[in-house]
Protein backbone atom coordinates (compact mmCIF):
# COMPACT_ATOMS: atom_id res chain seq x y z
CA MET A 1 -8.07 -25.52 8.55
CA GLU A 2 -11.14 -26.50 6.59
CA SER A 3 -12.80 -23.16 5.80
CA VAL A 4 -12.74 -19.41 6.22
CA THR A 5 -15.84 -17.44 7.23
CA LEU A 6 -16.03 -13.94 5.75
CA SER A 7 -17.47 -10.96 7.64
CA ASN A 8 -20.70 -11.29 5.59
CA GLY A 9 -21.14 -14.91 6.73
CA VAL A 10 -20.04 -16.58 3.49
CA VAL A 11 -18.00 -19.74 4.17
CA ILE A 12 -15.19 -20.59 1.74
CA PRO A 13 -13.68 -24.08 1.91
CA CYS A 14 -9.87 -24.03 1.92
CA ASP A 15 -6.75 -25.95 2.84
CA LEU A 16 -4.46 -22.95 3.31
CA VAL A 17 -4.75 -19.22 3.94
CA VAL A 18 -1.97 -16.76 3.12
CA MET A 19 -2.45 -13.41 4.80
CA GLY A 20 -0.49 -10.17 4.50
CA THR A 21 -1.35 -7.88 7.39
CA GLY A 22 0.98 -4.91 6.99
CA VAL A 23 2.65 -2.94 9.74
CA ARG A 24 2.18 0.17 11.81
CA PRO A 25 4.98 2.70 11.25
CA ALA A 26 7.34 3.35 14.17
CA THR A 27 6.84 7.12 14.13
CA GLY A 28 6.21 7.74 17.84
CA PHE A 29 9.55 9.53 18.10
CA LEU A 30 8.05 12.33 15.97
CA LYS A 31 5.57 13.29 18.70
CA ASP A 32 5.85 17.03 19.45
CA SER A 33 8.10 17.56 16.40
CA GLY A 34 5.46 19.48 14.47
CA ILE A 35 5.33 16.76 11.81
CA GLU A 36 1.70 15.74 11.40
CA LEU A 37 0.83 12.02 11.50
CA ASN A 38 -2.33 10.36 10.25
CA SER A 39 -4.38 7.83 12.24
CA ASP A 40 -2.18 4.84 11.31
CA GLY A 41 1.04 6.64 12.23
CA GLY A 42 2.00 7.57 8.67
CA VAL A 43 3.79 10.88 8.10
CA ILE A 44 1.50 13.26 6.21
CA CYS A 45 3.24 14.48 3.05
CA ASP A 46 2.26 16.63 0.09
CA PRO A 47 2.66 15.33 -3.50
CA PHE A 48 6.35 16.33 -3.33
CA LEU A 49 6.84 14.15 -0.20
CA GLN A 50 7.40 17.21 1.98
CA THR A 51 5.98 16.83 5.47
CA THR A 52 3.97 19.46 7.34
CA VAL A 53 7.32 20.93 8.45
CA LYS A 54 9.00 22.96 5.70
CA ASP A 55 12.11 21.35 4.19
CA VAL A 56 11.51 18.01 5.96
CA PHE A 57 10.71 15.13 3.61
CA ALA A 58 9.60 11.52 4.12
CA ALA A 59 9.81 8.42 1.93
CA GLY A 60 9.04 4.73 2.21
CA ASP A 61 6.67 2.88 4.52
CA ILE A 62 5.99 5.94 6.68
CA ALA A 63 5.10 8.41 3.89
CA SER A 64 1.35 9.05 3.62
CA HIS A 65 0.87 10.93 0.36
CA PRO A 66 -2.04 11.92 -1.90
CA TYR A 67 -2.94 9.18 -4.39
CA TRP A 68 -4.10 10.97 -7.53
CA PRO A 69 -6.42 8.21 -8.90
CA THR A 70 -8.67 8.35 -5.82
CA GLY A 71 -7.78 11.63 -4.11
CA LYS A 72 -7.21 9.73 -0.84
CA ARG A 73 -3.96 9.35 1.11
CA ILE A 74 -2.05 6.09 0.90
CA ARG A 75 1.00 4.52 2.48
CA THR A 76 2.66 1.71 0.53
CA GLU A 77 4.68 -0.96 2.32
CA HIS A 78 6.92 -2.19 -0.50
CA TRP A 79 10.67 -1.90 -0.97
CA ILE A 80 10.40 -0.53 -4.52
CA THR A 81 8.18 2.31 -3.26
CA SER A 82 10.84 3.24 -0.71
CA LEU A 83 13.47 3.26 -3.44
CA ASN A 84 11.35 5.36 -5.80
CA GLN A 85 10.13 7.80 -3.15
CA GLY A 86 13.68 8.34 -1.91
CA THR A 87 14.64 9.46 -5.41
CA TYR A 88 11.63 11.79 -5.69
CA ALA A 89 12.24 13.24 -2.22
CA ALA A 90 15.89 13.92 -3.17
CA PHE A 91 14.84 15.73 -6.35
CA ASN A 92 12.41 17.84 -4.34
CA MET A 93 15.02 18.66 -1.70
CA LEU A 94 16.98 20.08 -4.63
CA ASN A 95 13.95 22.24 -5.60
CA LYS A 96 13.12 20.17 -8.71
CA PHE A 97 9.41 19.93 -7.68
CA VAL A 98 8.65 16.50 -9.11
CA PRO A 99 5.36 15.17 -7.67
CA TYR A 100 5.32 11.50 -6.66
CA GLY A 101 2.51 9.78 -8.54
CA LEU A 102 3.58 6.21 -9.25
CA ILE A 103 0.94 3.49 -8.99
CA PRO A 104 1.76 0.87 -6.32
CA PHE A 105 2.09 -2.77 -7.33
CA PHE A 106 2.85 -6.09 -5.70
CA TRP A 107 4.07 -9.41 -7.06
CA SER A 108 4.70 -12.50 -4.98
CA ARG A 109 4.78 -16.28 -5.28
CA PHE A 110 3.52 -18.88 -2.81
CA TYR A 111 3.88 -22.61 -3.40
CA ASN A 112 4.58 -22.01 -7.10
CA LYS A 113 1.48 -19.82 -7.49
CA GLY A 114 1.63 -16.12 -8.30
CA LEU A 115 -0.15 -13.22 -6.66
CA HIS A 116 -0.06 -9.93 -8.57
CA PHE A 117 -1.91 -6.68 -8.13
CA VAL A 118 -1.64 -3.08 -9.20
CA GLY A 119 -3.23 -0.28 -7.19
CA THR A 120 -3.78 0.25 -3.51
CA GLY A 121 -5.18 -3.13 -2.50
CA ALA A 122 -8.36 -1.45 -1.20
CA TRP A 123 -10.73 -3.48 -3.35
CA LYS A 124 -14.41 -2.84 -3.66
CA GLU A 125 -15.11 -6.02 -5.65
CA VAL A 126 -13.24 -9.20 -6.58
CA TYR A 127 -14.09 -11.36 -9.60
CA ILE A 128 -12.57 -14.82 -9.99
CA THR A 129 -12.45 -16.80 -13.23
CA GLY A 130 -11.18 -20.36 -13.51
CA ASP A 131 -10.94 -23.13 -10.93
CA VAL A 132 -9.62 -22.01 -7.54
CA SER A 133 -9.53 -25.59 -6.21
CA LYS A 134 -7.02 -26.55 -8.93
CA GLY A 135 -5.01 -23.34 -8.61
CA ASN A 136 -5.88 -22.41 -12.18
CA PHE A 137 -7.62 -19.07 -11.80
CA VAL A 138 -7.32 -15.33 -12.23
CA ALA A 139 -8.69 -12.85 -9.69
CA TYR A 140 -9.66 -9.37 -10.85
CA TYR A 141 -9.65 -6.73 -8.12
CA ILE A 142 -11.76 -3.63 -8.72
CA ASN A 143 -10.70 -0.57 -6.69
CA GLU A 144 -13.12 1.93 -5.19
């Protein structure tokens, strides 16, 4: 690979591309259950992770919940989110009424280089400082 062409026509020279594409939740078995799904197959939940069926809760990759910073729904595909949401869902099953409002984050390393972000990953703008060709740079991602 010698370059990547962006949707706006900009060509970026590169030697390697690392791409995270996500998954589509396997929620087809919920058809006709009364549990509402959004367009990507996520289970629609309220801030307490309760689905559209009373006393049925969801957590993890399938849970589509309100994201308070933007007011939009999000689904986070990360193991720590599943762990945290499971705890919140359990509290709410016990009538503790604790809304889930943690901010998603992601850390990873590729070829001894780090990739870190906090937020939803739906970036409106990206600013890069440093030298990308030498791997000595910081990227700032600005959410909507």
